Amino acid sequence: MAKDDSIASRLMDVYDRFYAAYGPQQWWPGDGPFEVIVGAILTQSAAWTNVEMALAKMRAAGCWSLDALHRTTEPELAQLVRSSGYFNAKARKLKAFAAHVADNYEGDLDRFMSKATVPLRQELLSIHGIGEETADDIIVYAAGKPSFVIDTYTRRIMDRMGISPDGTRPKYGDYQAMFHDNLPHETQFFNEFHALWDNHAKEACAKTPRCQGCCLLDVCATGQASIVVG
């Protein structure tokens, strides 16, 4: 997809409105690449407060490095991350990630994270339990490379605004391409913009939108429709 100046302008307008309304978000809530990666896997279908409890249990149990994660048995790990939900599946995913780095990089996470963005993303997607959203979380927040994260909240707001990709059932990559093709590839910018979409979903654009006072009201198709109906 070639750059579309109108889409670029609309997305930058959204960013400016979000930033003016909410300020810097200072994401990710993690201390170093290891915690970010574990958190990205555990937060799949889970509230962050529940993930924090799982992280605290892992830390208290001494399961706080890739090597320790690799050595901890899957049943033991499942109990440590129980609060995050789907704990057996998530323990398996964490073990798969640790095994991949141990087997292919002698346990050197920094060497793995230093790969170029495209091959790093491809390799992450080859690991059991790492989907596109989790891979992009890891790339941006752990590896410090630009790859825009698309999640439920971003798609919801874009759809309501009427700036979704063309097609009846656009995929993850279709949404991501709108950012990659039209915005500067800057890690901090992608980091901040993704966090702002999520914050806006919490503050205004929930499953049932609270359009009154929304910073996007005058440029959102759903918001404008709510005014007409009201």
Protein backbone atom coordinates (compact mmCIF):
# COMPACT_ATOMS: atom_id res chain seq x y z
CA MET A 1 0.00 0.00 0.00
CA ALA A 2 1.39 3.42 -0.98
CA LYS A 3 1.23 6.35 1.39
CA ASP A 4 -2.18 8.01 1.47
CA ASP A 5 -1.84 11.63 2.59
CA SER A 6 -5.45 11.81 3.75
CA ILE A 7 -5.02 8.74 6.00
CA ALA A 8 -1.69 10.04 7.28
CA SER A 9 -3.33 13.37 8.13
CA ARG A 10 -6.25 11.71 9.93
CA LEU A 11 -4.02 9.42 11.96
CA MET A 12 -1.75 12.28 13.00
CA ASP A 13 -4.82 14.30 13.96
CA VAL A 14 -5.96 11.42 16.16
CA TYR A 15 -2.51 11.24 17.77
CA ASP A 16 -2.49 14.98 18.47
CA ARG A 17 -5.97 14.85 20.00
CA PHE A 18 -5.10 11.84 22.16
CA TYR A 19 -1.86 13.41 23.35
CA ALA A 20 -3.56 16.70 24.19
CA ALA A 21 -6.31 14.87 26.09
CA TYR A 22 -4.25 12.26 27.95
CA GLY A 23 -0.58 13.21 27.82
CA PRO A 24 2.35 10.76 27.68
CA GLN A 25 1.51 7.20 28.75
CA GLN A 26 5.04 5.95 29.54
CA TRP A 27 4.40 2.36 28.51
CA TRP A 28 5.33 -0.58 28.87
CA PRO A 29 4.68 -1.39 32.55
CA GLY A 30 7.75 -3.63 32.82
CA ASP A 31 11.33 -3.44 34.08
CA GLY A 32 13.57 -4.66 31.27
CA PRO A 33 13.08 -6.95 28.26
CA PHE A 34 12.53 -10.16 30.27
CA GLU A 35 9.63 -8.75 32.27
CA VAL A 36 8.13 -7.13 29.18
CA ILE A 37 8.21 -10.41 27.24
CA VAL A 38 6.71 -12.45 30.08
CA GLY A 39 4.07 -9.78 30.61
CA ALA A 40 3.22 -9.68 26.90
CA ILE A 41 2.56 -13.43 26.91
CA LEU A 42 0.64 -13.44 30.19
CA THR A 43 -1.57 -10.48 29.30
CA GLN A 44 -3.21 -12.41 26.46
CA SER A 45 -6.94 -12.44 27.40
CA ALA A 46 -6.12 -11.16 30.89
CA ALA A 47 -6.40 -7.95 32.90
CA TRP A 48 -3.04 -6.40 33.75
CA THR A 49 -3.78 -6.50 37.50
CA ASN A 50 -3.97 -10.31 37.26
CA VAL A 51 -0.75 -10.39 35.27
CA GLU A 52 0.98 -8.34 37.96
CA MET A 53 0.06 -10.96 40.56
CA ALA A 54 1.55 -13.69 38.37
CA LEU A 55 4.74 -11.68 37.81
CA ALA A 56 5.06 -11.10 41.57
CA LYS A 57 4.76 -14.86 42.22
CA MET A 58 7.37 -15.65 39.59
CA ARG A 59 9.73 -13.09 41.10
CA ALA A 60 9.18 -14.36 44.65
CA ALA A 61 9.81 -17.95 43.52
CA GLY A 62 13.10 -17.01 41.87
CA CYS A 63 11.73 -17.73 38.42
CA TRP A 64 12.98 -14.41 37.16
CA SER A 65 15.33 -15.03 34.26
CA LEU A 66 15.15 -16.95 31.00
CA ASP A 67 17.43 -19.59 32.47
CA ALA A 68 15.21 -20.00 35.55
CA LEU A 69 12.14 -20.07 33.32
CA HIS A 70 13.76 -22.76 31.17
CA ARG A 71 14.60 -24.88 34.23
CA THR A 72 11.23 -24.53 35.98
CA THR A 73 8.86 -27.39 35.19
CA GLU A 74 5.71 -26.60 33.27
CA PRO A 75 3.37 -27.65 36.14
CA GLU A 76 5.32 -25.50 38.60
CA LEU A 77 5.22 -22.53 36.25
CA ALA A 78 1.49 -23.00 35.64
CA GLN A 79 0.83 -22.58 39.35
CA LEU A 80 2.96 -19.45 39.50
CA VAL A 81 1.03 -17.78 36.66
CA ARG A 82 -2.38 -19.11 37.68
CA SER A 83 -3.83 -15.64 38.31
CA SER A 84 -3.37 -14.66 34.65
CA GLY A 85 -5.89 -17.24 33.43
CA TYR A 86 -5.39 -20.04 30.89
CA PHE A 87 -2.37 -20.78 33.08
CA ASN A 88 -1.50 -24.20 31.63
CA ALA A 89 -1.45 -22.81 28.09
CA LYS A 90 0.51 -19.73 29.16
CA ALA A 91 3.08 -21.82 31.02
CA ARG A 92 3.57 -23.82 27.83
CA LYS A 93 4.04 -20.59 25.83
CA LEU A 94 6.56 -19.20 28.30
CA LYS A 95 8.51 -22.45 28.26
CA ALA A 96 8.48 -22.47 24.46
CA PHE A 97 9.93 -18.96 24.35
CA ALA A 98 12.65 -19.78 26.88
CA ALA A 99 13.53 -22.98 25.04
CA HIS A 100 13.80 -21.13 21.73
CA VAL A 101 16.30 -18.63 23.12
CA ALA A 102 18.21 -21.36 24.98
CA ASP A 103 18.43 -23.65 21.94
CA ASN A 104 19.16 -21.02 19.30
CA TYR A 105 20.97 -18.23 21.14
CA GLU A 106 22.60 -20.03 24.09
CA GLY A 107 20.15 -18.24 26.36
CA ASP A 108 21.32 -14.79 25.23
CA LEU A 109 18.11 -12.74 25.01
CA ASP A 110 19.94 -9.59 23.96
CA ARG A 111 21.40 -11.38 20.93
CA PHE A 112 17.94 -12.55 19.91
CA MET A 113 16.41 -9.09 20.40
CA SER A 114 19.20 -7.46 18.38
CA LYS A 115 18.01 -9.01 15.11
CA ALA A 116 16.54 -6.71 12.48
CA THR A 117 12.82 -6.03 12.82
CA VAL A 118 11.46 -8.15 9.97
CA PRO A 119 13.44 -11.36 10.67
CA LEU A 120 12.88 -10.91 14.42
CA ARG A 121 9.13 -10.69 13.89
CA GLN A 122 9.14 -13.74 11.61
CA GLU A 123 11.09 -15.72 14.18
CA LEU A 124 8.86 -14.64 17.05
CA LEU A 125 5.80 -15.79 15.09
CA SER A 126 7.42 -19.21 14.68
CA ILE A 127 7.44 -19.74 18.47
CA HIS A 128 4.48 -21.55 20.01
CA GLY A 129 1.96 -19.12 21.48
CA ILE A 130 3.37 -15.94 19.92
CA GLY A 131 0.79 -14.31 17.67
CA GLU A 132 1.03 -11.03 15.78
CA GLU A 133 -0.06 -8.74 18.61
CA THR A 134 2.27 -10.39 21.14
CA ALA A 135 5.15 -10.35 18.65
CA ASP A 136 4.69 -6.64 18.02
CA ASP A 137 4.45 -5.93 21.76
CA ILE A 138 7.81 -7.67 22.19
CA ILE A 139 9.38 -5.86 19.23
CA VAL A 140 8.35 -2.38 20.36
CA TYR A 141 8.57 -2.65 24.13
CA ALA A 142 11.35 -5.22 24.64
CA ALA A 143 13.51 -4.93 21.52
CA GLY A 144 12.95 -1.19 21.02
CA LYS A 145 12.17 -1.46 17.32
CA PRO A 146 9.25 0.10 15.37
CA SER A 147 6.37 -2.28 14.66
CA PHE A 148 2.89 -0.94 15.34
CA VAL A 149 0.78 -3.00 17.74
CA ILE A 150 -2.81 -3.60 16.67
CA ASP A 151 -5.23 -4.75 19.32
CA THR A 152 -8.98 -4.96 19.93
CA TYR A 153 -9.12 -1.37 21.16
CA THR A 154 -7.33 0.10 18.15
CA ARG A 155 -9.57 -1.79 15.72
CA ARG A 156 -12.71 -0.81 17.63
CA ILE A 157 -11.92 2.91 17.58
CA MET A 158 -10.79 2.92 13.95
CA ASP A 159 -13.94 1.08 12.88
CA ARG A 160 -16.15 3.50 14.79
CA MET A 161 -14.34 6.46 13.24
CA GLY A 162 -14.72 5.04 9.75
CA ILE A 163 -11.00 4.82 8.97
CA SER A 164 -10.71 1.03 8.76
CA PRO A 165 -8.88 -0.74 5.91
CA ASP A 166 -10.85 -1.53 2.78
CA GLY A 167 -12.60 -4.89 2.60
CA THR A 168 -15.36 -6.66 4.47
CA ARG A 169 -13.10 -8.55 6.90
CA PRO A 170 -9.76 -6.75 7.17
CA LYS A 171 -6.98 -8.64 8.93
CA TYR A 172 -4.39 -7.63 11.50
CA GLY A 173 -1.85 -6.81 8.80
CA ASP A 174 -4.34 -4.60 6.96
CA TYR A 175 -4.77 -2.38 10.01
CA GLN A 176 -1.06 -2.37 10.73
CA ALA A 177 -0.25 -1.36 7.15
CA MET A 178 -2.26 1.84 7.61
CA PHE A 179 0.24 2.91 10.28
CA HIS A 180 3.37 1.50 8.66
CA ASP A 181 2.60 3.00 5.26
CA ASN A 182 1.52 6.43 6.45
CA LEU A 183 3.44 7.32 9.62
CA PRO A 184 7.12 7.71 10.51
CA HIS A 185 8.74 4.46 11.69
CA GLU A 186 9.88 5.73 15.07
CA THR A 187 9.85 3.36 18.03
CA GLN A 188 8.90 5.93 20.68
CA PHE A 189 6.14 7.33 18.47
CA PHE A 190 4.66 3.87 17.82
CA ASN A 191 5.01 3.08 21.53
CA GLU A 192 3.14 6.23 22.57
CA PHE A 193 0.45 6.06 19.91
CA HIS A 194 -0.46 2.45 20.71
CA ALA A 195 -0.69 3.27 24.42
CA LEU A 196 -2.91 6.26 23.67
CA TRP A 197 -5.38 4.16 21.63
CA ASP A 198 -5.69 1.79 24.57
CA ASN A 199 -6.13 4.62 27.06
CA HIS A 200 -8.84 6.19 24.91
CA ALA A 201 -10.69 2.87 24.84
CA LYS A 202 -10.61 2.85 28.64
CA GLU A 203 -11.62 6.50 29.02
CA ALA A 204 -14.26 6.85 26.31
CA CYS A 205 -14.49 4.23 23.57
CA ALA A 206 -15.46 1.18 25.61
CA LYS A 207 -17.69 -1.60 24.29
CA THR A 208 -20.53 0.84 24.88
CA PRO A 209 -19.04 4.17 23.77
CA ARG A 210 -19.26 7.23 25.99
CA CYS A 211 -19.28 9.84 23.23
CA GLN A 212 -20.14 12.90 25.31
CA GLY A 213 -16.95 14.89 25.78
CA CYS A 214 -14.86 12.54 23.59
CA CYS A 215 -11.83 14.21 22.05
CA LEU A 216 -12.69 12.57 18.70
CA LEU A 217 -16.39 13.42 18.72
CA ASP A 218 -16.36 15.84 15.79
CA VAL A 219 -14.33 13.49 13.55
CA CYS A 220 -15.93 10.17 14.51
CA ALA A 221 -18.78 8.71 12.45
CA THR A 222 -20.17 6.84 15.46
CA GLY A 223 -19.93 9.93 17.66
CA GLN A 224 -21.70 12.08 15.12
CA ALA A 225 -24.45 9.49 14.75
CA SER A 226 -24.96 9.49 18.51
CA ILE A 227 -25.56 13.25 18.41
CA VAL A 228 -28.16 12.86 15.67
CA VAL A 229 -29.92 10.08 17.56
CA GLY A 230 -29.74 12.03 20.80
